[in-house]
Amino acid sequence: MSMDSPAPTPPPGNPLIGYWKLVVLERYAKFAGRANRAEYWWYFLAQLIIGVVLQLLGNVSSIFSIVYLLYMLAVFIPGLAVAIRRLHDTGKSGWFVLLALIPCVGIIILIVFFATEGTKGPNKYGASAT
């Protein structure tokens, strides 16, 4: 991504569906660049809703448990990619995602990083994502 590229525009229509499609279908394994807060958190909300629905359906029928497992495997890479791009937006290395391996504290630190406003203007990871 070049430093002088224009800022991305939000997807048209419903942001929940638009950002999910953007992250999963258009930027499946794109680890370079930056992701703004809206992109990350709308994607997170979509994942949460889909995961809860598939878990509830898995309690009814074991086929949905298999569907849930396959879905989570399919969206692991885009979820990791958007988390790394979100860290890039705050000026941090993608390696900070490994903080999740520290029990309790690591997740809290990552939530703070993900909720923090990104750096204004270009940084070493690319043009502003806002």
C-alpha atoms as a PDB file:
ATOM      1  CA  MET A   1       0.000   0.000   0.000  1.00  0.00           C
ATOM      2  CA  SER A   2       1.502   3.299  -0.978  1.00  0.00           C
ATOM      3  CA  MET A   3       1.746   6.179   1.457  1.00  0.00           C
ATOM      4  CA  ASP A   4      -0.282   8.531  -0.759  1.00  0.00           C
ATOM      5  CA  SER A   5      -3.271   6.283  -1.498  1.00  0.00           C
ATOM      6  CA  PRO A   6      -6.671   7.714  -0.573  1.00  0.00           C
ATOM      7  CA  ALA A   7      -8.379   6.620   2.620  1.00  0.00           C
ATOM      8  CA  PRO A   8     -10.767   3.684   2.130  1.00  0.00           C
ATOM      9  CA  THR A   9     -14.473   4.405   2.170  1.00  0.00           C
ATOM     10  CA  PRO A  10     -16.897   2.406   4.295  1.00  0.00           C
ATOM     11  CA  PRO A  11     -18.785  -0.318   2.454  1.00  0.00           C
ATOM     12  CA  PRO A  12     -22.234   0.701   1.178  1.00  0.00           C
ATOM     13  CA  GLY A  13     -25.384  -0.541   2.851  1.00  0.00           C
ATOM     14  CA  ASN A  14     -25.482  -2.430   6.123  1.00  0.00           C
ATOM     15  CA  PRO A  15     -22.085  -1.988   7.843  1.00  0.00           C
ATOM     16  CA  LEU A  16     -22.307  -5.358   9.600  1.00  0.00           C
ATOM     17  CA  ILE A  17     -22.543  -7.264   6.335  1.00  0.00           C
ATOM     18  CA  GLY A  18     -20.380  -4.821   4.394  1.00  0.00           C
ATOM     19  CA  TYR A  19     -17.397  -5.005   6.735  1.00  0.00           C
ATOM     20  CA  TRP A  20     -17.714  -8.807   7.072  1.00  0.00           C
ATOM     21  CA  LYS A  21     -17.589  -9.138   3.271  1.00  0.00           C
ATOM     22  CA  LEU A  22     -14.702  -6.665   3.093  1.00  0.00           C
ATOM     23  CA  VAL A  23     -12.591  -8.571   5.632  1.00  0.00           C
ATOM     24  CA  VAL A  24     -13.477 -12.148   4.656  1.00  0.00           C
ATOM     25  CA  LEU A  25     -13.917 -11.929   0.892  1.00  0.00           C
ATOM     26  CA  GLU A  26     -11.819  -8.964  -0.270  1.00  0.00           C
ATOM     27  CA  ARG A  27      -8.957  -8.912   2.242  1.00  0.00           C
ATOM     28  CA  TYR A  28      -8.868 -12.604   3.209  1.00  0.00           C
ATOM     29  CA  ALA A  29      -5.142 -12.879   3.989  1.00  0.00           C
ATOM     30  CA  LYS A  30      -4.027  -9.255   3.679  1.00  0.00           C
ATOM     31  CA  PHE A  31      -1.715  -8.657   6.632  1.00  0.00           C
ATOM     32  CA  ALA A  32      -0.150  -5.448   5.277  1.00  0.00           C
ATOM     33  CA  GLY A  33      -1.766  -2.055   5.690  1.00  0.00           C
ATOM     34  CA  ARG A  34      -4.151  -0.690   8.254  1.00  0.00           C
ATOM     35  CA  ALA A  35      -7.720  -1.362   9.441  1.00  0.00           C
ATOM     36  CA  ASN A  36      -9.757   1.334  11.156  1.00  0.00           C
ATOM     37  CA  ARG A  37     -11.813   0.742  14.268  1.00  0.00           C
ATOM     38  CA  ALA A  38     -15.071   0.396  12.341  1.00  0.00           C
ATOM     39  CA  GLU A  39     -13.665  -2.328  10.089  1.00  0.00           C
ATOM     40  CA  TYR A  40     -12.353  -4.323  13.048  1.00  0.00           C
ATOM     41  CA  TRP A  41     -15.298  -3.949  15.404  1.00  0.00           C
ATOM     42  CA  TRP A  42     -18.050  -4.512  12.779  1.00  0.00           C
ATOM     43  CA  TYR A  43     -16.207  -7.654  11.692  1.00  0.00           C
ATOM     44  CA  PHE A  44     -15.897  -8.736  15.362  1.00  0.00           C
ATOM     45  CA  LEU A  45     -19.631  -8.187  15.931  1.00  0.00           C
ATOM     46  CA  ALA A  46     -20.515 -10.209  12.825  1.00  0.00           C
ATOM     47  CA  GLN A  47     -18.250 -13.042  13.984  1.00  0.00           C
ATOM     48  CA  LEU A  48     -19.801 -12.952  17.455  1.00  0.00           C
ATOM     49  CA  ILE A  49     -23.355 -13.138  16.085  1.00  0.00           C
ATOM     50  CA  ILE A  50     -22.551 -15.924  13.612  1.00  0.00           C
ATOM     51  CA  GLY A  51     -20.635 -17.875  16.267  1.00  0.00           C
ATOM     52  CA  VAL A  52     -23.421 -17.644  18.849  1.00  0.00           C
ATOM     53  CA  VAL A  53     -26.086 -18.661  16.325  1.00  0.00           C
ATOM     54  CA  LEU A  54     -24.045 -21.654  15.134  1.00  0.00           C
ATOM     55  CA  GLN A  55     -23.307 -22.668  18.742  1.00  0.00           C
ATOM     56  CA  LEU A  56     -27.012 -22.551  19.617  1.00  0.00           C
ATOM     57  CA  LEU A  57     -27.882 -24.537  16.516  1.00  0.00           C
ATOM     58  CA  GLY A  58     -25.100 -26.976  17.426  1.00  0.00           C
ATOM     59  CA  ASN A  59     -26.960 -27.703  20.656  1.00  0.00           C
ATOM     60  CA  VAL A  60     -29.957 -28.753  18.559  1.00  0.00           C
ATOM     61  CA  SER A  61     -28.143 -30.811  15.924  1.00  0.00           C
ATOM     62  CA  SER A  62     -24.571 -32.048  15.745  1.00  0.00           C
ATOM     63  CA  ILE A  63     -24.348 -31.116  12.050  1.00  0.00           C
ATOM     64  CA  PHE A  64     -24.296 -27.449  13.110  1.00  0.00           C
ATOM     65  CA  SER A  65     -21.381 -28.185  15.416  1.00  0.00           C
ATOM     66  CA  ILE A  66     -19.472 -29.368  12.365  1.00  0.00           C
ATOM     67  CA  VAL A  67     -20.601 -26.308  10.407  1.00  0.00           C
ATOM     68  CA  TYR A  68     -19.444 -24.109  13.306  1.00  0.00           C
ATOM     69  CA  LEU A  69     -16.028 -25.778  13.363  1.00  0.00           C
ATOM     70  CA  LEU A  70     -15.598 -25.460   9.591  1.00  0.00           C
ATOM     71  CA  TYR A  71     -16.718 -21.822   9.672  1.00  0.00           C
ATOM     72  CA  MET A  72     -14.284 -20.933  12.466  1.00  0.00           C
ATOM     73  CA  LEU A  73     -11.450 -22.623  10.591  1.00  0.00           C
ATOM     74  CA  ALA A  74     -12.387 -20.701   7.438  1.00  0.00           C
ATOM     75  CA  VAL A  75     -12.403 -17.286   9.143  1.00  0.00           C
ATOM     76  CA  PHE A  76      -9.323 -17.803  11.320  1.00  0.00           C
ATOM     77  CA  ILE A  77      -6.936 -16.255   8.759  1.00  0.00           C
ATOM     78  CA  PRO A  78      -9.080 -13.177   7.971  1.00  0.00           C
ATOM     79  CA  GLY A  79      -9.658 -12.635  11.700  1.00  0.00           C
ATOM     80  CA  LEU A  80      -5.936 -12.747  12.361  1.00  0.00           C
ATOM     81  CA  ALA A  81      -5.276 -10.471   9.375  1.00  0.00           C
ATOM     82  CA  VAL A  82      -7.766  -7.796  10.466  1.00  0.00           C
ATOM     83  CA  ALA A  83      -6.384  -7.901  14.027  1.00  0.00           C
ATOM     84  CA  ILE A  84      -2.858  -7.346  12.714  1.00  0.00           C
ATOM     85  CA  ARG A  85      -4.003  -4.523  10.426  1.00  0.00           C
ATOM     86  CA  ARG A  86      -5.828  -2.963  13.389  1.00  0.00           C
ATOM     87  CA  LEU A  87      -2.594  -3.061  15.427  1.00  0.00           C
ATOM     88  CA  HIS A  88      -0.803  -1.480  12.453  1.00  0.00           C
ATOM     89  CA  ASP A  89      -3.340   1.363  12.531  1.00  0.00           C
ATOM     90  CA  THR A  90      -2.334   2.123  16.123  1.00  0.00           C
ATOM     91  CA  GLY A  91       1.348   2.103  15.151  1.00  0.00           C
ATOM     92  CA  LYS A  92       2.115  -1.286  16.705  1.00  0.00           C
ATOM     93  CA  SER A  93       3.675  -4.365  15.188  1.00  0.00           C
ATOM     94  CA  GLY A  94       1.433  -7.261  14.269  1.00  0.00           C
ATOM     95  CA  TRP A  95       3.480  -9.427  16.626  1.00  0.00           C
ATOM     96  CA  PHE A  96       1.577  -7.788  19.501  1.00  0.00           C
ATOM     97  CA  VAL A  97      -1.269 -10.185  18.629  1.00  0.00           C
ATOM     98  CA  LEU A  98       0.754 -12.813  20.503  1.00  0.00           C
ATOM     99  CA  LEU A  99      -0.231 -11.004  23.717  1.00  0.00           C
ATOM    100  CA  ALA A 100      -3.413 -13.080  23.453  1.00  0.00           C
ATOM    101  CA  LEU A 101      -1.341 -16.039  24.653  1.00  0.00           C
ATOM    102  CA  ILE A 102      -0.923 -14.403  28.088  1.00  0.00           C
ATOM    103  CA  PRO A 103      -3.889 -15.591  30.169  1.00  0.00           C
ATOM    104  CA  CYS A 104      -6.458 -12.869  31.054  1.00  0.00           C
ATOM    105  CA  VAL A 105      -4.106  -9.881  30.903  1.00  0.00           C
ATOM    106  CA  GLY A 106      -3.125 -10.353  27.256  1.00  0.00           C
ATOM    107  CA  ILE A 107      -6.705 -10.189  26.000  1.00  0.00           C
ATOM    108  CA  ILE A 108      -7.392  -7.058  28.059  1.00  0.00           C
ATOM    109  CA  ILE A 109      -4.308  -5.332  26.633  1.00  0.00           C
ATOM    110  CA  LEU A 110      -5.338  -6.279  23.087  1.00  0.00           C
ATOM    111  CA  ILE A 111      -8.881  -4.962  23.624  1.00  0.00           C
ATOM    112  CA  VAL A 112      -7.378  -1.635  24.711  1.00  0.00           C
ATOM    113  CA  PHE A 113      -5.116  -1.578  21.637  1.00  0.00           C
ATOM    114  CA  PHE A 114      -8.015  -2.469  19.312  1.00  0.00           C
ATOM    115  CA  ALA A 115     -10.241   0.232  20.843  1.00  0.00           C
ATOM    116  CA  THR A 116      -7.560   2.921  20.700  1.00  0.00           C
ATOM    117  CA  GLU A 117      -7.855   5.478  17.912  1.00  0.00           C
ATOM    118  CA  GLY A 118      -5.385   4.909  15.089  1.00  0.00           C
ATOM    119  CA  THR A 119      -2.534   7.261  14.335  1.00  0.00           C
ATOM    120  CA  LYS A 120      -3.520  10.246  12.220  1.00  0.00           C
ATOM    121  CA  GLY A 121      -2.014  10.381   8.764  1.00  0.00           C
ATOM    122  CA  PRO A 122       0.398   7.858   7.319  1.00  0.00           C
ATOM    123  CA  ASN A 123       2.584   5.718   9.558  1.00  0.00           C
ATOM    124  CA  LYS A 124       5.186   3.062   8.757  1.00  0.00           C
ATOM    125  CA  TYR A 125       2.388   0.586   7.890  1.00  0.00           C
ATOM    126  CA  GLY A 126       0.680   2.722   5.237  1.00  0.00           C
ATOM    127  CA  ALA A 127      -1.828   5.494   4.673  1.00  0.00           C
ATOM    128  CA  SER A 128      -4.454   6.360   7.240  1.00  0.00           C
ATOM    129  CA  ALA A 129      -7.292   3.848   7.497  1.00  0.00           C
ATOM    130  CA  THR A 130      -9.897   6.364   8.664  1.00  0.00           C
END
